[in-house]
C-alpha cells in the first residue's frame, strides 16, 4: 500500500506492516469477594490460555500507587528477557 496509517482499535498501524503490536481494552471484568476474576472465553481462546497456563503479573506504579496491571504469558516473558539479555551475555563472553 502507500504507507498511510489506518486506525485499528486504539492503535495506529502502518498499512501493510506485519507483526505490529497493538494495545486495546478487550473487556471489563469484575473481581469477586475472594479476589478471583474470570478472563472471557473468547479472549482465552485467542490468547491460547488454557487450564494450567502460566501468566506473569506485571505492574506499574505512579505516585506510590499501582496504576496498571498486565498479564503476560510466562513463555512470552521468557522470550522477551532472552531477547534483551542474549546480546548482552554474548558481548560479555
N, C-alpha and C. Protein backbone atom coordinates (compact mmCIF):
# COMPACT_ATOMS: atom_id res chain seq x y z
N UNK A 1 0.83 -1.18 0.00
CA UNK A 1 0.00 0.00 0.00
C UNK A 1 0.87 1.24 0.00
N UNK A 2 0.27 2.40 0.23
CA UNK A 2 1.02 3.64 0.14
C UNK A 2 1.61 4.11 1.46
N UNK A 3 1.63 3.26 2.51
CA UNK A 3 2.26 3.62 3.77
C UNK A 3 1.41 4.50 4.67
N UNK A 4 0.14 4.78 4.28
CA UNK A 4 -0.73 5.58 5.13
C UNK A 4 -1.07 4.79 6.38
N UNK A 5 -1.35 5.52 7.45
CA UNK A 5 -1.74 4.90 8.72
C UNK A 5 -3.23 4.63 8.69
N UNK A 6 -3.64 3.53 9.35
CA UNK A 6 -5.07 3.26 9.48
C UNK A 6 -5.35 2.95 10.94
N UNK A 7 -6.54 3.28 11.39
CA UNK A 7 -6.93 3.06 12.78
C UNK A 7 -7.45 1.63 12.94
N UNK A 8 -6.98 0.94 13.98
CA UNK A 8 -7.49 -0.36 14.35
C UNK A 8 -7.61 -0.36 15.86
N UNK A 9 -8.82 -0.27 16.39
CA UNK A 9 -8.98 -0.16 17.83
C UNK A 9 -8.38 1.15 18.29
N UNK A 10 -7.52 1.10 19.27
CA UNK A 10 -6.85 2.29 19.77
C UNK A 10 -5.47 2.44 19.16
N UNK A 11 -5.15 1.71 18.11
CA UNK A 11 -3.79 1.65 17.60
C UNK A 11 -3.67 2.31 16.23
N UNK A 12 -2.50 2.81 15.99
CA UNK A 12 -2.18 3.31 14.66
C UNK A 12 -1.15 2.35 14.08
N UNK A 13 -1.49 1.74 12.96
CA UNK A 13 -0.65 0.72 12.35
C UNK A 13 -0.39 1.11 10.89
N UNK A 14 0.86 1.02 10.48
CA UNK A 14 1.18 1.31 9.08
C UNK A 14 0.55 0.25 8.19
N UNK A 15 -0.11 0.67 7.15
CA UNK A 15 -0.75 -0.27 6.23
C UNK A 15 0.30 -1.21 5.67
N UNK A 16 -0.02 -2.50 5.67
CA UNK A 16 0.89 -3.49 5.12
C UNK A 16 1.94 -3.95 6.11
N UNK A 17 2.02 -3.35 7.29
CA UNK A 17 3.01 -3.71 8.29
C UNK A 17 2.63 -5.06 8.90
N UNK A 18 3.61 -5.93 9.07
CA UNK A 18 3.34 -7.22 9.68
C UNK A 18 3.90 -7.26 11.08
N UNK A 19 3.26 -8.01 11.94
CA UNK A 19 3.73 -8.17 13.30
C UNK A 19 3.58 -6.93 14.15
N UNK A 20 2.70 -6.01 13.77
CA UNK A 20 2.51 -4.78 14.53
C UNK A 20 1.87 -5.09 15.87
N UNK A 21 2.36 -4.46 16.92
CA UNK A 21 1.80 -4.64 18.25
C UNK A 21 0.64 -3.67 18.43
N UNK A 22 -0.32 -4.09 19.23
CA UNK A 22 -1.49 -3.26 19.44
C UNK A 22 -1.99 -3.44 20.87
N UNK A 23 -2.32 -2.37 21.53
CA UNK A 23 -2.86 -2.41 22.88
C UNK A 23 -4.28 -1.89 22.82
N UNK A 24 -5.22 -2.65 23.36
CA UNK A 24 -6.61 -2.20 23.38
C UNK A 24 -7.34 -2.81 24.57
N UNK A 25 -8.43 -2.21 24.95
CA UNK A 25 -9.26 -2.75 26.03
C UNK A 25 -10.06 -3.90 25.44
N UNK A 26 -9.85 -5.09 25.98
CA UNK A 26 -10.54 -6.29 25.48
C UNK A 26 -11.89 -6.49 26.16
N UNK A 27 -11.95 -6.22 27.46
CA UNK A 27 -13.20 -6.39 28.20
C UNK A 27 -13.07 -5.75 29.57
N UNK A 28 -14.17 -5.62 30.24
CA UNK A 28 -14.20 -5.17 31.62
C UNK A 28 -14.61 -6.38 32.46
N UNK A 29 -13.82 -6.71 33.46
CA UNK A 29 -14.11 -7.88 34.30
C UNK A 29 -14.27 -7.43 35.75
N UNK A 30 -14.92 -8.27 36.54
CA UNK A 30 -15.14 -7.98 37.96
C UNK A 30 -14.27 -8.88 38.82
N UNK A 31 -13.94 -8.39 39.99
CA UNK A 31 -13.21 -9.18 40.99
C UNK A 31 -14.23 -9.56 42.05
N UNK A 32 -14.29 -10.87 42.39
CA UNK A 32 -15.26 -11.29 43.41
C UNK A 32 -14.69 -11.11 44.81
N UNK A 33 -15.47 -11.47 45.82
CA UNK A 33 -15.07 -11.26 47.21
C UNK A 33 -13.83 -12.04 47.61
N UNK A 34 -13.49 -13.09 46.86
CA UNK A 34 -12.28 -13.87 47.12
C UNK A 34 -11.08 -13.36 46.31
N UNK A 35 -11.26 -12.30 45.54
CA UNK A 35 -10.17 -11.75 44.75
C UNK A 35 -10.00 -12.44 43.41
N UNK A 36 -10.95 -13.27 43.03
CA UNK A 36 -10.85 -14.01 41.77
C UNK A 36 -11.55 -13.24 40.65
N UNK A 37 -11.05 -13.46 39.44
CA UNK A 37 -11.66 -12.86 38.26
C UNK A 37 -11.63 -13.88 37.13
N UNK A 38 -12.50 -13.71 36.16
CA UNK A 38 -12.59 -14.63 35.04
C UNK A 38 -12.24 -13.90 33.75
N UNK A 39 -11.29 -14.46 33.00
CA UNK A 39 -11.00 -13.93 31.67
C UNK A 39 -12.04 -14.50 30.71
N UNK A 40 -12.65 -13.67 29.88
CA UNK A 40 -13.68 -14.16 28.96
C UNK A 40 -13.14 -15.28 28.05
N UNK A 41 -14.00 -16.24 27.77
CA UNK A 41 -13.63 -17.42 26.98
C UNK A 41 -13.01 -17.02 25.64
N UNK A 42 -13.62 -16.08 24.92
CA UNK A 42 -13.10 -15.68 23.60
C UNK A 42 -11.67 -15.15 23.73
N UNK A 43 -11.41 -14.36 24.76
CA UNK A 43 -10.07 -13.81 24.98
C UNK A 43 -9.08 -14.93 25.29
N UNK A 44 -9.47 -15.87 26.17
CA UNK A 44 -8.59 -17.01 26.49
C UNK A 44 -8.27 -17.81 25.24
N UNK A 45 -9.28 -18.05 24.41
CA UNK A 45 -9.06 -18.82 23.18
C UNK A 45 -8.11 -18.09 22.24
N UNK A 46 -8.34 -16.79 22.02
CA UNK A 46 -7.48 -16.01 21.11
C UNK A 46 -6.06 -15.93 21.62
N UNK A 47 -5.89 -15.90 22.96
CA UNK A 47 -4.56 -15.78 23.55
C UNK A 47 -3.90 -17.13 23.77
N UNK A 48 -4.62 -18.21 23.53
CA UNK A 48 -4.06 -19.54 23.74
C UNK A 48 -3.84 -19.84 25.22
N UNK A 49 -4.72 -19.31 26.07
CA UNK A 49 -4.62 -19.55 27.51
C UNK A 49 -5.56 -20.70 27.86
N UNK A 50 -4.99 -21.75 28.42
CA UNK A 50 -5.75 -22.94 28.79
C UNK A 50 -5.56 -23.23 30.27
N UNK A 51 -6.30 -24.20 30.78
CA UNK A 51 -6.11 -24.63 32.17
C UNK A 51 -4.64 -24.99 32.35
N UNK A 52 -4.03 -24.49 33.39
CA UNK A 52 -2.61 -24.77 33.65
C UNK A 52 -1.65 -23.78 33.02
N UNK A 53 -2.13 -22.89 32.16
CA UNK A 53 -1.25 -21.87 31.57
C UNK A 53 -0.67 -21.00 32.67
N UNK A 54 0.58 -20.58 32.50
CA UNK A 54 1.24 -19.72 33.47
C UNK A 54 1.24 -18.29 32.95
N UNK A 55 0.83 -17.36 33.80
CA UNK A 55 0.80 -15.95 33.44
C UNK A 55 1.62 -15.17 34.46
N UNK A 56 2.46 -14.28 33.99
CA UNK A 56 3.22 -13.39 34.87
C UNK A 56 2.38 -12.12 35.05
N UNK A 57 2.36 -11.60 36.26
CA UNK A 57 1.64 -10.37 36.57
C UNK A 57 2.68 -9.25 36.69
N UNK A 58 2.53 -8.22 35.87
CA UNK A 58 3.44 -7.07 35.92
C UNK A 58 2.61 -5.85 36.31
N UNK A 59 3.23 -4.93 37.04
CA UNK A 59 2.50 -3.73 37.44
C UNK A 59 3.39 -2.50 37.27
N UNK A 60 2.75 -1.35 37.15
CA UNK A 60 3.42 -0.07 37.05
C UNK A 60 2.90 0.80 38.19
N UNK A 61 3.82 1.55 38.79
CA UNK A 61 3.46 2.45 39.88
C UNK A 61 3.56 3.90 39.43
N UNK A 62 2.67 4.72 39.96
CA UNK A 62 2.70 6.16 39.73
C UNK A 62 2.32 6.82 41.04
N UNK A 63 3.16 7.70 41.52
CA UNK A 63 2.93 8.39 42.78
C UNK A 63 2.68 7.43 43.93
N UNK A 64 3.43 6.31 43.95
CA UNK A 64 3.33 5.35 45.05
C UNK A 64 2.15 4.41 44.99
N UNK A 65 1.36 4.47 43.95
CA UNK A 65 0.19 3.59 43.81
C UNK A 65 0.29 2.81 42.51
N UNK A 66 -0.16 1.57 42.54
CA UNK A 66 -0.20 0.78 41.31
C UNK A 66 -1.31 1.35 40.43
N UNK A 67 -0.94 1.70 39.20
CA UNK A 67 -1.91 2.29 38.28
C UNK A 67 -2.24 1.37 37.11
N UNK A 68 -1.42 0.35 36.90
CA UNK A 68 -1.64 -0.53 35.75
C UNK A 68 -1.16 -1.93 36.11
N UNK A 69 -1.99 -2.92 35.80
CA UNK A 69 -1.64 -4.33 36.00
C UNK A 69 -1.83 -5.02 34.65
N UNK A 70 -0.87 -5.82 34.25
CA UNK A 70 -0.98 -6.55 32.98
C UNK A 70 -0.60 -8.00 33.18
N UNK A 71 -1.12 -8.87 32.35
CA UNK A 71 -0.79 -10.29 32.36
C UNK A 71 0.04 -10.59 31.11
N UNK A 72 1.10 -11.36 31.30
CA UNK A 72 1.96 -11.75 30.18
C UNK A 72 2.12 -13.27 30.26
N UNK A 73 1.91 -13.95 29.13
CA UNK A 73 2.14 -15.39 29.12
C UNK A 73 3.59 -15.64 29.51
N UNK A 74 3.81 -16.55 30.46
CA UNK A 74 5.14 -16.77 31.01
C UNK A 74 6.16 -17.09 29.92
N UNK A 75 5.78 -17.89 28.94
CA UNK A 75 6.75 -18.23 27.89
C UNK A 75 7.11 -17.02 27.03
N UNK A 76 6.17 -16.09 26.87
CA UNK A 76 6.46 -14.85 26.14
C UNK A 76 7.42 -13.97 26.93
N UNK A 77 7.24 -13.93 28.25
CA UNK A 77 8.12 -13.15 29.10
C UNK A 77 9.54 -13.71 29.04
N UNK A 78 9.66 -15.03 29.06
CA UNK A 78 10.98 -15.67 28.96
C UNK A 78 11.66 -15.26 27.66
N UNK A 79 10.92 -15.29 26.55
CA UNK A 79 11.48 -14.92 25.25
C UNK A 79 11.89 -13.45 25.22
N UNK A 80 11.08 -12.57 25.86
CA UNK A 80 11.43 -11.15 25.91
C UNK A 80 12.74 -10.95 26.68
N UNK A 81 12.86 -11.63 27.81
CA UNK A 81 14.07 -11.49 28.62
C UNK A 81 15.27 -12.04 27.86
N UNK A 82 15.12 -13.20 27.22
CA UNK A 82 16.22 -13.76 26.43
C UNK A 82 16.63 -12.80 25.32
N UNK A 83 15.64 -12.19 24.66
CA UNK A 83 15.93 -11.25 23.59
C UNK A 83 16.70 -10.04 24.05
N UNK A 84 16.43 -9.58 25.28
CA UNK A 84 17.13 -8.43 25.83
C UNK A 84 18.50 -8.81 26.38
N UNK A 85 18.57 -9.92 27.11
CA UNK A 85 19.82 -10.31 27.75
C UNK A 85 20.77 -11.08 26.84
N UNK A 86 20.24 -11.79 25.86
CA UNK A 86 21.07 -12.60 24.96
C UNK A 86 22.23 -11.82 24.36
N UNK A 87 21.96 -10.69 23.69
CA UNK A 87 23.06 -9.92 23.10
C UNK A 87 24.05 -9.40 24.14
N UNK A 88 23.56 -9.05 25.32
CA UNK A 88 24.46 -8.56 26.37
C UNK A 88 25.39 -9.67 26.85
N UNK A 89 24.84 -10.86 27.06
CA UNK A 89 25.63 -12.00 27.51
C UNK A 89 26.67 -12.37 26.45
N UNK A 90 26.26 -12.38 25.18
CA UNK A 90 27.20 -12.69 24.10
C UNK A 90 28.35 -11.69 24.07
N UNK A 91 28.03 -10.42 24.29
CA UNK A 91 29.07 -9.38 24.29
C UNK A 91 30.03 -9.58 25.46
N UNK A 92 29.52 -9.97 26.62
CA UNK A 92 30.37 -10.19 27.79
C UNK A 92 31.28 -11.38 27.58
N UNK A 93 30.73 -12.44 27.00
CA UNK A 93 31.51 -13.67 26.80
C UNK A 93 32.40 -13.49 25.60
